[in-house]
Amino acid sequence: GWIEILGAGMVHPRVLEMAGYDPKVYSGFAFGMGPERIAMLKFGV
């Protein structure tokens, strides 16, 4: 009844630290998707 489409999650504190952001102050989320998969699901390719 379900179809997998993308991956996501809350940004790892270590990634924030390496970019210069304080993980105690900042948080965030990230996601990644493939347009090919979306097109295949949307148009039946």
PDB file of all heavy atoms in Angstrom:
ATOM      1  N   GLY A   1       0.807  -1.219   0.000  1.00  0.00           N
ATOM      2  CA  GLY A   1       0.000   0.000   0.000  1.00  0.00           C
ATOM      3  C   GLY A   1       0.837   1.265   0.000  1.00  0.00           C
ATOM      4  O   GLY A   1       0.288   2.371  -0.059  1.00  0.00           O
ATOM      5  N   TRP A   2       2.178   1.123   0.055  1.00  0.00           N
ATOM      6  CA  TRP A   2       3.073   2.274   0.119  1.00  0.00           C
ATOM      7  C   TRP A   2       4.204   2.141  -0.897  1.00  0.00           C
ATOM      8  O   TRP A   2       4.611   1.037  -1.237  1.00  0.00           O
ATOM      9  CB  TRP A   2       3.679   2.419   1.518  1.00  0.00           C
ATOM     10  CG  TRP A   2       2.660   2.621   2.591  1.00  0.00           C
ATOM     11  CD1 TRP A   2       2.067   1.667   3.361  1.00  0.00           C
ATOM     12  CD2 TRP A   2       2.087   3.879   2.991  1.00  0.00           C
ATOM     13  NE1 TRP A   2       1.177   2.227   4.226  1.00  0.00           N
ATOM     14  CE2 TRP A   2       1.161   3.597   4.036  1.00  0.00           C
ATOM     15  CE3 TRP A   2       2.270   5.208   2.609  1.00  0.00           C
ATOM     16  CZ2 TRP A   2       0.429   4.587   4.661  1.00  0.00           C
ATOM     17  CZ3 TRP A   2       1.546   6.203   3.238  1.00  0.00           C
ATOM     18  CH2 TRP A   2       0.636   5.903   4.249  1.00  0.00           C
ATOM     19  N   ILE A   3       4.715   3.290  -1.362  1.00  0.00           N
ATOM     20  CA  ILE A   3       5.822   3.313  -2.319  1.00  0.00           C
ATOM     21  C   ILE A   3       6.906   4.246  -1.782  1.00  0.00           C
ATOM     22  O   ILE A   3       6.645   5.425  -1.500  1.00  0.00           O
ATOM     23  CB  ILE A   3       5.357   3.791  -3.705  1.00  0.00           C
ATOM     24  CG1 ILE A   3       4.304   2.829  -4.277  1.00  0.00           C
ATOM     25  CG2 ILE A   3       6.540   3.905  -4.664  1.00  0.00           C
ATOM     26  CD1 ILE A   3       3.710   3.290  -5.586  1.00  0.00           C
ATOM     27  N   GLU A   4       8.122   3.721  -1.655  1.00  0.00           N
ATOM     28  CA  GLU A   4       9.233   4.539  -1.155  1.00  0.00           C
ATOM     29  C   GLU A   4       9.606   5.601  -2.184  1.00  0.00           C
ATOM     30  O   GLU A   4       9.664   5.324  -3.386  1.00  0.00           O
ATOM     31  CB  GLU A   4      10.435   3.647  -0.870  1.00  0.00           C
ATOM     32  CG  GLU A   4      11.657   4.401  -0.360  1.00  0.00           C
ATOM     33  CD  GLU A   4      12.854   3.495  -0.179  1.00  0.00           C
ATOM     34  OE1 GLU A   4      12.663   2.301   0.150  1.00  0.00           O
ATOM     35  OE2 GLU A   4      13.983   3.980  -0.377  1.00  0.00           O
ATOM     36  N   ILE A   5       9.875   6.818  -1.714  1.00  0.00           N
ATOM     37  CA  ILE A   5      10.146   7.892  -2.673  1.00  0.00           C
ATOM     38  C   ILE A   5      11.384   8.715  -2.352  1.00  0.00           C
ATOM     39  O   ILE A   5      12.056   9.203  -3.250  1.00  0.00           O
ATOM     40  CB  ILE A   5       8.902   8.818  -2.802  1.00  0.00           C
ATOM     41  CG1 ILE A   5       9.092   9.787  -3.965  1.00  0.00           C
ATOM     42  CG2 ILE A   5       8.622   9.560  -1.512  1.00  0.00           C
ATOM     43  CD1 ILE A   5       7.860  10.540  -4.332  1.00  0.00           C
ATOM     44  N   LEU A   6      11.724   8.893  -1.058  1.00  0.00           N
ATOM     45  CA  LEU A   6      12.905   9.704  -0.747  1.00  0.00           C
ATOM     46  C   LEU A   6      13.392   9.432   0.666  1.00  0.00           C
ATOM     47  O   LEU A   6      12.716   8.785   1.461  1.00  0.00           O
ATOM     48  CB  LEU A   6      12.613  11.201  -0.928  1.00  0.00           C
ATOM     49  CG  LEU A   6      11.487  11.852  -0.108  1.00  0.00           C
ATOM     50  CD1 LEU A   6      11.944  12.248   1.302  1.00  0.00           C
ATOM     51  CD2 LEU A   6      10.966  13.096  -0.816  1.00  0.00           C
ATOM     52  N   GLY A   7      14.593   9.948   0.955  1.00  0.00           N
ATOM     53  CA  GLY A   7      15.169   9.844   2.283  1.00  0.00           C
ATOM     54  C   GLY A   7      15.313  11.224   2.906  1.00  0.00           C
ATOM     55  O   GLY A   7      15.466  12.228   2.202  1.00  0.00           O
ATOM     56  N   ALA A   8      15.267  11.286   4.229  1.00  0.00           N
ATOM     57  CA  ALA A   8      15.332  12.578   4.922  1.00  0.00           C
ATOM     58  C   ALA A   8      15.762  12.371   6.362  1.00  0.00           C
ATOM     59  O   ALA A   8      16.026  11.242   6.798  1.00  0.00           O
ATOM     60  CB  ALA A   8      13.968  13.270   4.857  1.00  0.00           C
ATOM     61  N   GLY A   9      15.823  13.464   7.104  1.00  0.00           N
ATOM     62  CA  GLY A   9      16.155  13.380   8.528  1.00  0.00           C
ATOM     63  C   GLY A   9      16.608  14.716   9.072  1.00  0.00           C
ATOM     64  O   GLY A   9      16.719  15.712   8.334  1.00  0.00           O
ATOM     65  N   MET A  10      16.866  14.749  10.343  1.00  0.00           N
ATOM     66  CA  MET A  10      17.370  15.953  11.002  1.00  0.00           C
ATOM     67  C   MET A  10      18.891  16.013  10.838  1.00  0.00           C
ATOM     68  O   MET A  10      19.577  14.996  10.998  1.00  0.00           O
ATOM     69  CB  MET A  10      17.002  15.947  12.486  1.00  0.00           C
ATOM     70  CG  MET A  10      15.505  15.855  12.753  1.00  0.00           C
ATOM     71  SD  MET A  10      14.561  17.204  11.991  1.00  0.00           S
ATOM     72  CE  MET A  10      15.148  18.603  12.965  1.00  0.00           C
ATOM     73  N   VAL A  11      19.406  17.169  10.504  1.00  0.00           N
ATOM     74  CA  VAL A  11      20.842  17.311  10.231  1.00  0.00           C
ATOM     75  C   VAL A  11      21.651  16.885  11.449  1.00  0.00           C
ATOM     76  O   VAL A  11      21.390  17.318  12.577  1.00  0.00           O
ATOM     77  CB  VAL A  11      21.175  18.768   9.848  1.00  0.00           C
ATOM     78  CG1 VAL A  11      22.679  18.913   9.572  1.00  0.00           C
ATOM     79  CG2 VAL A  11      20.373  19.200   8.632  1.00  0.00           C
ATOM     80  N   HIS A  12      22.638  16.041  11.198  1.00  0.00           N
ATOM     81  CA  HIS A  12      23.479  15.529  12.282  1.00  0.00           C
ATOM     82  C   HIS A  12      24.247  16.696  12.924  1.00  0.00           C
ATOM     83  O   HIS A  12      24.785  17.560  12.212  1.00  0.00           O
ATOM     84  CB  HIS A  12      24.460  14.499  11.719  1.00  0.00           C
ATOM     85  CG  HIS A  12      25.071  13.624  12.748  1.00  0.00           C
ATOM     86  ND1 HIS A  12      25.998  14.082  13.664  1.00  0.00           N
ATOM     87  CD2 HIS A  12      24.894  12.291  13.037  1.00  0.00           C
ATOM     88  CE1 HIS A  12      26.375  13.098  14.450  1.00  0.00           C
ATOM     89  NE2 HIS A  12      25.720  11.993  14.094  1.00  0.00           N
ATOM     90  N   PRO A  13      24.308  16.732  14.264  1.00  0.00           N
ATOM     91  CA  PRO A  13      25.042  17.818  14.937  1.00  0.00           C
ATOM     92  C   PRO A  13      26.479  17.949  14.456  1.00  0.00           C
ATOM     93  O   PRO A  13      27.020  19.055  14.381  1.00  0.00           O
ATOM     94  CB  PRO A  13      24.979  17.417  16.413  1.00  0.00           C
ATOM     95  CG  PRO A  13      23.748  16.578  16.528  1.00  0.00           C
ATOM     96  CD  PRO A  13      23.641  15.844  15.230  1.00  0.00           C
ATOM     97  N   ARG A  14      27.115  16.826  14.112  1.00  0.00           N
ATOM     98  CA  ARG A  14      28.501  16.857  13.644  1.00  0.00           C
ATOM     99  C   ARG A  14      28.611  17.627  12.324  1.00  0.00           C
ATOM    100  O   ARG A  14      29.570  18.367  12.107  1.00  0.00           O
ATOM    101  CB  ARG A  14      29.015  15.427  13.483  1.00  0.00           C
ATOM    102  CG  ARG A  14      30.430  15.315  12.969  1.00  0.00           C
ATOM    103  CD  ARG A  14      31.422  15.956  13.903  1.00  0.00           C
ATOM    104  NE  ARG A  14      32.785  15.836  13.382  1.00  0.00           N
ATOM    105  CZ  ARG A  14      33.730  16.722  13.596  1.00  0.00           C
ATOM    106  NH1 ARG A  14      33.481  17.797  14.315  1.00  0.00           N
ATOM    107  NH2 ARG A  14      34.933  16.526  13.110  1.00  0.00           N
ATOM    108  N   VAL A  15      27.618  17.471  11.445  1.00  0.00           N
ATOM    109  CA  VAL A  15      27.613  18.193  10.165  1.00  0.00           C
ATOM    110  C   VAL A  15      27.476  19.693  10.406  1.00  0.00           C
ATOM    111  O   VAL A  15      28.152  20.514   9.773  1.00  0.00           O
ATOM    112  CB  VAL A  15      26.471  17.684   9.258  1.00  0.00           C
ATOM    113  CG1 VAL A  15      26.369  18.529   7.987  1.00  0.00           C
ATOM    114  CG2 VAL A  15      26.683  16.222   8.896  1.00  0.00           C
ATOM    115  N   LEU A  16      26.626  20.061  11.355  1.00  0.00           N
ATOM    116  CA  LEU A  16      26.469  21.481  11.700  1.00  0.00           C
ATOM    117  C   LEU A  16      27.771  22.046  12.258  1.00  0.00           C
ATOM    118  O   LEU A  16      28.191  23.157  11.904  1.00  0.00           O
ATOM    119  CB  LEU A  16      25.334  21.652  12.708  1.00  0.00           C
ATOM    120  CG  LEU A  16      23.912  21.365  12.202  1.00  0.00           C
ATOM    121  CD1 LEU A  16      22.921  21.431  13.361  1.00  0.00           C
ATOM    122  CD2 LEU A  16      23.514  22.348  11.109  1.00  0.00           C
ATOM    123  N   GLU A  17      28.429  21.292  13.121  1.00  0.00           N
ATOM    124  CA  GLU A  17      29.684  21.750  13.714  1.00  0.00           C
ATOM    125  C   GLU A  17      30.749  21.971  12.653  1.00  0.00           C
ATOM    126  O   GLU A  17      31.461  22.992  12.674  1.00  0.00           O
ATOM    127  CB  GLU A  17      30.185  20.737  14.742  1.00  0.00           C
ATOM    128  CG  GLU A  17      29.413  20.738  16.050  1.00  0.00           C
ATOM    129  CD  GLU A  17      29.975  19.728  17.034  1.00  0.00           C
ATOM    130  OE1 GLU A  17      30.724  18.822  16.593  1.00  0.00           O
ATOM    131  OE2 GLU A  17      29.670  19.852  18.222  1.00  0.00           O
ATOM    132  N   MET A  18      30.886  21.024  11.719  1.00  0.00           N
ATOM    133  CA  MET A  18      31.914  21.158  10.683  1.00  0.00           C
ATOM    134  C   MET A  18      31.641  22.350   9.778  1.00  0.00           C
ATOM    135  O   MET A  18      32.554  22.888   9.152  1.00  0.00           O
ATOM    136  CB  MET A  18      32.003  19.863   9.864  1.00  0.00           C
ATOM    137  CG  MET A  18      32.687  18.722  10.608  1.00  0.00           C
ATOM    138  SD  MET A  18      32.983  17.270   9.573  1.00  0.00           S
ATOM    139  CE  MET A  18      31.318  16.616   9.435  1.00  0.00           C
ATOM    140  N   ALA A  19      30.386  22.765   9.677  1.00  0.00           N
ATOM    141  CA  ALA A  19      30.040  23.930   8.859  1.00  0.00           C
ATOM    142  C   ALA A  19      30.093  25.222   9.660  1.00  0.00           C
ATOM    143  O   ALA A  19      29.819  26.295   9.120  1.00  0.00           O
ATOM    144  CB  ALA A  19      28.646  23.750   8.259  1.00  0.00           C
ATOM    145  N   GLY A  20      30.425  25.138  10.943  1.00  0.00           N
ATOM    146  CA  GLY A  20      30.552  26.331  11.755  1.00  0.00           C
ATOM    147  C   GLY A  20      29.307  26.739  12.499  1.00  0.00           C
ATOM    148  O   GLY A  20      29.258  27.823  13.100  1.00  0.00           O
ATOM    149  N   TYR A  21      28.281  25.895  12.504  1.00  0.00           N
ATOM    150  CA  TYR A  21      27.035  26.199  13.220  1.00  0.00           C
ATOM    151  C   TYR A  21      27.052  25.531  14.595  1.00  0.00           C
ATOM    152  O   TYR A  21      27.496  24.386  14.729  1.00  0.00           O
ATOM    153  CB  TYR A  21      25.820  25.712  12.423  1.00  0.00           C
ATOM    154  CG  TYR A  21      25.457  26.601  11.247  1.00  0.00           C
ATOM    155  CD1 TYR A  21      26.134  26.484  10.039  1.00  0.00           C
ATOM    156  CD2 TYR A  21      24.436  27.548  11.350  1.00  0.00           C
ATOM    157  CE1 TYR A  21      25.811  27.284   8.950  1.00  0.00           C
ATOM    158  CE2 TYR A  21      24.106  28.347  10.272  1.00  0.00           C
ATOM    159  CZ  TYR A  21      24.789  28.224   9.070  1.00  0.00           C
ATOM    160  OH  TYR A  21      24.465  29.035   8.005  1.00  0.00           O
ATOM    161  N   ASP A  22      26.561  26.226  15.581  1.00  0.00           N
ATOM    162  CA  ASP A  22      26.479  25.688  16.935  1.00  0.00           C
ATOM    163  C   ASP A  22      25.234  24.803  17.041  1.00  0.00           C
ATOM    164  O   ASP A  22      24.113  25.296  16.985  1.00  0.00           O
ATOM    165  CB  ASP A  22      26.399  26.827  17.955  1.00  0.00           C
ATOM    166  CG  ASP A  22      26.449  26.317  19.396  1.00  0.00           C
ATOM    167  OD1 ASP A  22      26.359  25.091  19.608  1.00  0.00           O
ATOM    168  OD2 ASP A  22      26.559  27.156  20.308  1.00  0.00           O
ATOM    169  N   PRO A  23      25.387  23.474  17.172  1.00  0.00           N
ATOM    170  CA  PRO A  23      24.225  22.579  17.232  1.00  0.00           C
ATOM    171  C   PRO A  23      23.362  22.775  18.471  1.00  0.00           C
ATOM    172  O   PRO A  23      22.233  22.280  18.520  1.00  0.00           O
ATOM    173  CB  PRO A  23      24.854  21.176  17.206  1.00  0.00           C
ATOM    174  CG  PRO A  23      26.242  21.366  17.703  1.00  0.00           C
ATOM    175  CD  PRO A  23      26.659  22.733  17.276  1.00  0.00           C
ATOM    176  N   LYS A  24      23.879  23.518  19.457  1.00  0.00           N
ATOM    177  CA  LYS A  24      23.055  23.814  20.627  1.00  0.00           C
ATOM    178  C   LYS A  24      22.107  24.979  20.362  1.00  0.00           C
ATOM    179  O   LYS A  24      21.142  25.178  21.101  1.00  0.00           O
ATOM    180  CB  LYS A  24      23.948  24.133  21.824  1.00  0.00           C
ATOM    181  CG  LYS A  24      24.799  22.960  22.286  1.00  0.00           C
ATOM    182  CD  LYS A  24      25.663  23.337  23.476  1.00  0.00           C
ATOM    183  CE  LYS A  24      26.519  22.151  23.930  1.00  0.00           C
ATOM    184  NZ  LYS A  24      27.387  22.516  25.090  1.00  0.00           N
ATOM    185  N   VAL A  25      22.422  25.739  19.323  1.00  0.00           N
ATOM    186  CA  VAL A  25      21.582  26.896  18.958  1.00  0.00           C
ATOM    187  C   VAL A  25      20.754  26.597  17.715  1.00  0.00           C
ATOM    188  O   VAL A  25      19.576  26.936  17.628  1.00  0.00           O
ATOM    189  CB  VAL A  25      22.459  28.150  18.714  1.00  0.00           C
ATOM    190  CG1 VAL A  25      21.595  29.340  18.278  1.00  0.00           C
ATOM    191  CG2 VAL A  25      23.263  28.479  19.954  1.00  0.00           C
ATOM    192  N   TYR A  26      21.408  25.949  16.740  1.00  0.00           N
ATOM    193  CA  TYR A  26      20.747  25.686  15.461  1.00  0.00           C
ATOM    194  C   TYR A  26      20.411  24.201  15.315  1.00  0.00           C
ATOM    195  O   TYR A  26      21.110  23.336  15.842  1.00  0.00           O
ATOM    196  CB  TYR A  26      21.640  26.105  14.288  1.00  0.00           C
ATOM    197  CG  TYR A  26      21.762  27.601  14.118  1.00  0.00           C
ATOM    198  CD1 TYR A  26      22.820  28.295  14.712  1.00  0.00           C
ATOM    199  CD2 TYR A  26      20.831  28.317  13.372  1.00  0.00           C
ATOM    200  CE1 TYR A  26      22.942  29.666  14.557  1.00  0.00           C
ATOM    201  CE2 TYR A  26      20.945  29.689  13.208  1.00  0.00           C
ATOM    202  CZ  TYR A  26      22.000  30.354  13.802  1.00  0.00           C
ATOM    203  OH  TYR A  26      22.095  31.706  13.651  1.00  0.00           O
ATOM    204  N   SER A  27      19.337  23.946  14.584  1.00  0.00           N
ATOM    205  CA  SER A  27      18.967  22.585  14.167  1.00  0.00           C
ATOM    206  C   SER A  27      18.466  22.687  12.734  1.00  0.00           C
ATOM    207  O   SER A  27      18.282  23.783  12.199  1.00  0.00           O
ATOM    208  CB  SER A  27      17.890  22.001  15.092  1.00  0.00           C
ATOM    209  OG  SER A  27      16.732  22.846  15.087  1.00  0.00           O
ATOM    210  N   GLY A  28      18.256  21.556  12.143  1.00  0.00           N
ATOM    211  CA  GLY A  28      17.793  21.605  10.758  1.00  0.00           C
ATOM    212  C   GLY A  28      17.386  20.250  10.243  1.00  0.00           C
ATOM    213  O   GLY A  28      17.590  19.226  10.905  1.00  0.00           O
ATOM    214  N   PHE A  29      16.785  20.258   9.057  1.00  0.00           N
ATOM    215  CA  PHE A  29      16.450  18.991   8.415  1.00  0.00           C
ATOM    216  C   PHE A  29      16.979  19.003   6.988  1.00  0.00           C
ATOM    217  O   PHE A  29      17.237  20.062   6.403  1.00  0.00           O
ATOM    218  CB  PHE A  29      14.948  18.706   8.448  1.00  0.00           C
ATOM    219  CG  PHE A  29      14.079  19.692   7.692  1.00  0.00           C
ATOM    220  CD1 PHE A  29      14.056  19.751   6.305  1.00  0.00           C
ATOM    221  CD2 PHE A  29      13.238  20.552   8.396  1.00  0.00           C
ATOM    222  CE1 PHE A  29      13.244  20.626   5.620  1.00  0.00           C
ATOM    223  CE2 PHE A  29      12.416  21.448   7.723  1.00  0.00           C
ATOM    224  CZ  PHE A  29      12.414  21.489   6.329  1.00  0.00           C
ATOM    225  N   ALA A  30      17.144  17.806   6.444  1.00  0.00           N
ATOM    226  CA  ALA A  30      17.615  17.642   5.065  1.00  0.00           C
ATOM    227  C   ALA A  30      16.831  16.506   4.422  1.00  0.00           C
ATOM    228  O   ALA A  30      16.328  15.614   5.106  1.00  0.00           O
ATOM    229  CB  ALA A  30      19.114  17.341   5.040  1.00  0.00           C
ATOM    230  N   PHE A  31      16.734  16.549   3.110  1.00  0.00           N
ATOM    231  CA  PHE A  31      16.047  15.481   2.374  1.00  0.00           C
ATOM    232  C   PHE A  31      16.682  15.375   0.992  1.00  0.00           C
ATOM    233  O   PHE A  31      17.316  16.307   0.496  1.00  0.00           O
ATOM    234  CB  PHE A  31      14.542  15.776   2.243  1.00  0.00           C
ATOM    235  CG  PHE A  31      14.223  17.105   1.611  1.00  0.00           C
ATOM    236  CD1 PHE A  31      14.155  17.258   0.233  1.00  0.00           C
ATOM    237  CD2 PHE A  31      13.978  18.212   2.409  1.00  0.00           C
ATOM    238  CE1 PHE A  31      13.853  18.479  -0.351  1.00  0.00           C
ATOM    239  CE2 PHE A  31      13.685  19.449   1.861  1.00  0.00           C
ATOM    240  CZ  PHE A  31      13.622  19.589   0.478  1.00  0.00           C
ATOM    241  N   GLY A  32      16.549  14.209   0.397  1.00  0.00           N
ATOM    242  CA  GLY A  32      17.080  13.985  -0.943  1.00  0.00           C
ATOM    243  C   GLY A  32      16.145  13.116  -1.751  1.00  0.00           C
ATOM    244  O   GLY A  32      15.581  12.146  -1.248  1.00  0.00           O
ATOM    245  N   MET A  33      15.965  13.502  -3.019  1.00  0.00           N
ATOM    246  CA  MET A  33      15.038  12.766  -3.891  1.00  0.00           C
ATOM    247  C   MET A  33      15.621  12.661  -5.294  1.00  0.00           C
ATOM    248  O   MET A  33      16.487  13.452  -5.687  1.00  0.00           O
ATOM    249  CB  MET A  33      13.687  13.488  -3.958  1.00  0.00           C
ATOM    250  CG  MET A  33      13.758  14.861  -4.610  1.00  0.00           C
ATOM    251  SD  MET A  33      12.203  15.774  -4.531  1.00  0.00           S
ATOM    252  CE  MET A  33      12.183  16.232  -2.797  1.00  0.00           C
ATOM    253  N   GLY A  34      15.146  11.669  -6.044  1.00  0.00           N
ATOM    254  CA  GLY A  34      15.563  11.496  -7.425  1.00  0.00           C
ATOM    255  C   GLY A  34      14.441  11.859  -8.385  1.00  0.00           C
ATOM    256  O   GLY A  34      13.394  11.190  -8.383  1.00  0.00           O
ATOM    257  N   PRO A  35      14.602  12.899  -9.201  1.00  0.00           N
ATOM    258  CA  PRO A  35      13.561  13.267 -10.171  1.00  0.00           C
ATOM    259  C   PRO A  35      13.175  12.129 -11.111  1.00  0.00           C
ATOM    260  O   PRO A  35      12.029  12.033 -11.538  1.00  0.00           O
ATOM    261  CB  PRO A  35      14.196  14.433 -10.940  1.00  0.00           C
ATOM    262  CG  PRO A  35      15.106  15.068  -9.938  1.00  0.00           C
ATOM    263  CD  PRO A  35      15.671  13.909  -9.149  1.00  0.00           C
ATOM    264  N   GLU A  36      14.144  11.236 -11.421  1.00  0.00           N
ATOM    265  CA  GLU A  36      13.794  10.101 -12.284  1.00  0.00           C
ATOM    266  C   GLU A  36      12.734   9.225 -11.615  1.00  0.00           C
ATOM    267  O   GLU A  36      11.764   8.816 -12.259  1.00  0.00           O
ATOM    268  CB  GLU A  36      15.041   9.254 -12.580  1.00  0.00           C
ATOM    269  CG  GLU A  36      16.020   9.886 -13.546  1.00  0.00           C
ATOM    270  CD  GLU A  36      17.082  10.693 -12.830  1.00  0.00           C
ATOM    271  OE1 GLU A  36      16.884  11.035 -11.640  1.00  0.00           O
ATOM    272  OE2 GLU A  36      18.116  10.981 -13.453  1.00  0.00           O
ATOM    273  N   ARG A  37      12.937   8.930 -10.335  1.00  0.00           N
ATOM    274  CA  ARG A  37      11.960   8.087  -9.625  1.00  0.00           C
ATOM    275  C   ARG A  37      10.605   8.785  -9.541  1.00  0.00           C
ATOM    276  O   ARG A  37       9.560   8.155  -9.687  1.00  0.00           O
ATOM    277  CB  ARG A  37      12.476   7.750  -8.228  1.00  0.00           C
ATOM    278  CG  ARG A  37      11.503   6.898  -7.418  1.00  0.00           C
ATOM    279  CD  ARG A  37      12.185   6.171  -6.294  1.00  0.00           C
ATOM    280  NE  ARG A  37      11.265   5.357  -5.504  1.00  0.00           N
ATOM    281  CZ  ARG A  37      10.783   4.180  -5.891  1.00  0.00           C
ATOM    282  NH1 ARG A  37      11.137   3.688  -7.072  1.00  0.00           N
ATOM    283  NH2 ARG A  37       9.962   3.487  -5.128  1.00  0.00           N
ATOM    284  N   ILE A  38      10.622  10.073  -9.294  1.00  0.00           N
ATOM    285  CA  ILE A  38       9.369  10.818  -9.213  1.00  0.00           C
ATOM    286  C   ILE A  38       8.656  10.795 -10.552  1.00  0.00           C
ATOM    287  O   ILE A  38       7.437  10.587 -10.632  1.00  0.00           O
ATOM    288  CB  ILE A  38       9.649  12.263  -8.759  1.00  0.00           C
ATOM    289  CG1 ILE A  38      10.159  12.254  -7.318  1.00  0.00           C
ATOM    290  CG2 ILE A  38       8.398  13.127  -8.883  1.00  0.00           C
ATOM    291  CD1 ILE A  38      10.655  13.592  -6.839  1.00  0.00           C
ATOM    292  N   ALA A  39       9.413  10.984 -11.635  1.00  0.00           N
ATOM    293  CA  ALA A  39       8.810  10.948 -12.971  1.00  0.00           C
ATOM    294  C   ALA A  39       8.268   9.558 -13.294  1.00  0.00           C
ATOM    295  O   ALA A  39       7.194   9.422 -13.895  1.00  0.00           O
ATOM    296  CB  ALA A  39       9.840  11.367 -14.019  1.00  0.00           C
ATOM    297  N   MET A  40       9.005   8.515 -12.885  1.00  0.00           N
ATOM    298  CA  MET A  40       8.557   7.150 -13.145  1.00  0.00           C
ATOM    299  C   MET A  40       7.246   6.860 -12.419  1.00  0.00           C
ATOM    300  O   MET A  40       6.334   6.236 -12.982  1.00  0.00           O
ATOM    301  CB  MET A  40       9.639   6.157 -12.721  1.00  0.00           C
ATOM    302  CG  MET A  40      10.896   6.218 -13.584  1.00  0.00           C
ATOM    303  SD  MET A  40      12.266   5.201 -12.980  1.00  0.00           S
ATOM    304  CE  MET A  40      11.681   3.570 -13.442  1.00  0.00           C
ATOM    305  N   LEU A  41       7.125   7.318 -11.182  1.00  0.00           N
ATOM    306  CA  LEU A  41       5.895   7.098 -10.418  1.00  0.00           C
ATOM    307  C   LEU A  41       4.746   7.955 -10.940  1.00  0.00           C
ATOM    308  O   LEU A  41       3.602   7.509 -11.016  1.00  0.00           O
ATOM    309  CB  LEU A  41       6.143   7.404  -8.941  1.00  0.00           C
ATOM    310  CG  LEU A  41       7.088   6.453  -8.199  1.00  0.00           C
ATOM    311  CD1 LEU A  41       7.349   6.965  -6.798  1.00  0.00           C
ATOM    312  CD2 LEU A  41       6.488   5.050  -8.149  1.00  0.00           C
ATOM    313  N   LYS A  42       5.069   9.185 -11.314  1.00  0.00           N
ATOM    314  CA  LYS A  42       4.020  10.114 -11.723  1.00  0.00           C
ATOM    315  C   LYS A  42       3.455   9.789 -13.096  1.00  0.00           C
ATOM    316  O   LYS A  42       2.255   9.938 -13.342  1.00  0.00           O
ATOM    317  CB  LYS A  42       4.566  11.541 -11.717  1.00  0.00           C
ATOM    318  CG  LYS A  42       3.506  12.621 -11.907  1.00  0.00           C
ATOM    319  CD  LYS A  42       4.076  14.000 -11.653  1.00  0.00           C
ATOM    320  CE  LYS A  42       2.976  15.065 -11.770  1.00  0.00           C
ATOM    321  NZ  LYS A  42       3.492  16.423 -11.473  1.00  0.00           N
ATOM    322  N   PHE A  43       4.308   9.286 -14.006  1.00  0.00           N
ATOM    323  CA  PHE A  43       3.871   9.057 -15.380  1.00  0.00           C
ATOM    324  C   PHE A  43       3.895   7.590 -15.788  1.00  0.00           C
ATOM    325  O   PHE A  43       3.658   7.267 -16.947  1.00  0.00           O
ATOM    326  CB  PHE A  43       4.738   9.866 -16.347  1.00  0.00           C
ATOM    327  CG  PHE A  43       4.624  11.349 -16.152  1.00  0.00           C
ATOM    328  CD1 PHE A  43       5.634  12.054 -15.529  1.00  0.00           C
ATOM    329  CD2 PHE A  43       3.502  12.040 -16.579  1.00  0.00           C
ATOM    330  CE1 PHE A  43       5.541  13.417 -15.343  1.00  0.00           C
ATOM    331  CE2 PHE A  43       3.386  13.403 -16.397  1.00  0.00           C
ATOM    332  CZ  PHE A  43       4.403  14.097 -15.770  1.00  0.00           C
ATOM    333  N   GLY A  44       4.193   6.709 -14.863  1.00  0.00           N
ATOM    334  CA  GLY A  44       4.144   5.290 -15.177  1.00  0.00           C
ATOM    335  C   GLY A  44       5.266   4.809 -16.072  1.00  0.00           C
ATOM    336  O   GLY A  44       5.087   3.860 -16.838  1.00  0.00           O
ATOM    337  N   VAL A  45       6.444   5.441 -16.006  1.00  0.00           N
ATOM    338  CA  VAL A  45       7.603   5.008 -16.797  1.00  0.00           C
ATOM    339  C   VAL A  45       8.215   3.784 -16.120  1.00  0.00           C
ATOM    340  O   VAL A  45       8.473   3.798 -14.914  1.00  0.00           O
ATOM    341  CB  VAL A  45       8.645   6.139 -16.903  1.00  0.00           C
ATOM    342  CG1 VAL A  45       9.856   5.693 -17.706  1.00  0.00           C
ATOM    343  CG2 VAL A  45       8.007   7.376 -17.536  1.00  0.00           C
TER     344      VAL A  45
END
